[in-house]
């Protein structure tokens, strides 16, 4: 599964759970990064998911995992937590 398809599946799950999708990370495609949360998927030698926050040229790790199911769970948890903080 491609990183874009992976994030699209998570987006569909967010909609099903009524979690705002604006809190999902963007895919890191090696271009210039804007401020926000990003998902980097390394596919060689094994698939690794890394989510980080980018702000003023500082990369702050959020999580790193080799398990796609755990990556999905952590992204959904992060999006849900961010939505709850935004709308108390």
Protein backbone atom coordinates (compact mmCIF):
# COMPACT_ATOMS: atom_id res chain seq x y z
CA UNK A 1 0.00 0.00 0.00
CA UNK A 2 1.33 3.42 -0.91
CA UNK A 3 1.67 6.14 1.75
CA UNK A 4 -1.07 8.17 0.05
CA UNK A 5 -3.46 5.20 0.05
CA UNK A 6 -2.57 4.48 3.68
CA UNK A 7 -3.42 8.05 4.71
CA UNK A 8 -6.59 7.98 2.58
CA UNK A 9 -7.78 4.91 4.53
CA UNK A 10 -7.09 6.73 7.79
CA UNK A 11 -8.98 9.76 6.49
CA UNK A 12 -11.99 7.54 5.75
CA UNK A 13 -11.80 6.10 9.28
CA UNK A 14 -11.68 9.66 10.68
CA UNK A 15 -14.85 10.52 8.79
CA UNK A 16 -16.52 7.35 10.06
CA UNK A 17 -15.59 8.28 13.65
CA UNK A 18 -16.47 11.96 13.04
CA UNK A 19 -12.95 13.18 13.76
CA UNK A 20 -12.01 16.35 11.82
CA UNK A 21 -9.53 15.46 9.09
CA UNK A 22 -7.72 18.80 9.36
CA UNK A 23 -5.68 17.28 12.22
CA UNK A 24 -4.23 14.48 10.05
CA UNK A 25 -0.56 14.66 9.06
CA UNK A 26 0.56 15.43 5.52
CA UNK A 27 2.76 13.07 3.51
CA UNK A 28 6.45 14.00 3.46
CA UNK A 29 7.46 13.79 -0.21
CA UNK A 30 10.92 15.31 0.22
CA UNK A 31 9.85 18.82 -0.76
CA UNK A 32 9.95 21.92 1.40
CA UNK A 33 7.94 21.43 4.59
CA UNK A 34 5.46 23.92 5.97
CA UNK A 35 4.61 24.13 9.66
CA UNK A 36 2.47 21.23 10.85
CA UNK A 37 2.41 17.47 11.28
CA UNK A 38 3.95 15.19 8.68
CA UNK A 39 4.05 11.46 8.01
CA UNK A 40 7.22 10.00 6.55
CA UNK A 41 7.03 6.41 5.23
CA UNK A 42 10.35 4.66 4.62
CA UNK A 43 9.91 1.53 2.51
CA UNK A 44 13.46 0.13 2.39
CA UNK A 45 14.66 -2.24 3.81
CA UNK A 46 11.39 -2.61 5.78
CA UNK A 47 8.38 -0.33 5.95
CA UNK A 48 8.71 2.25 8.75
CA UNK A 49 6.22 4.98 9.67
CA UNK A 50 7.46 8.16 11.28
CA UNK A 51 5.23 11.08 12.27
CA UNK A 52 6.83 14.39 13.21
CA UNK A 53 6.00 18.05 13.75
CA UNK A 54 7.82 20.64 11.65
CA UNK A 55 8.11 24.24 12.87
CA UNK A 56 10.78 26.81 12.02
CA UNK A 57 13.18 24.20 10.61
CA UNK A 58 12.91 22.06 13.76
CA UNK A 59 11.79 18.44 13.37
CA UNK A 60 10.14 17.12 16.55
CA UNK A 61 9.41 13.36 16.51
CA UNK A 62 5.89 12.26 17.49
CA UNK A 63 6.23 8.51 16.91
CA UNK A 64 8.07 5.88 14.91
CA UNK A 65 6.81 2.34 14.28
CA UNK A 66 7.17 -0.58 11.88
CA UNK A 67 3.57 -1.75 12.36
CA UNK A 68 0.96 -0.20 9.99
CA UNK A 69 -1.88 -0.99 12.42
CA UNK A 70 -0.08 0.78 15.25
CA UNK A 71 0.69 3.75 12.98
CA UNK A 72 -3.00 4.00 12.10
CA UNK A 73 -4.01 3.80 15.77
CA UNK A 74 -1.50 6.49 16.77
CA UNK A 75 -2.52 8.84 13.94
CA UNK A 76 -6.21 8.46 14.83
CA UNK A 77 -5.44 9.03 18.52
CA UNK A 78 -3.42 12.14 17.68
CA UNK A 79 -6.16 13.55 15.41
CA UNK A 80 -8.86 12.86 18.00
CA UNK A 81 -6.81 14.43 20.81
CA UNK A 82 -6.02 17.52 18.72
CA UNK A 83 -9.72 17.91 17.79
CA UNK A 84 -10.76 17.64 21.45
CA UNK A 85 -8.19 20.25 22.49
CA UNK A 86 -9.36 22.59 19.72
CA UNK A 87 -13.04 22.22 20.76
CA UNK A 88 -13.23 21.68 24.54
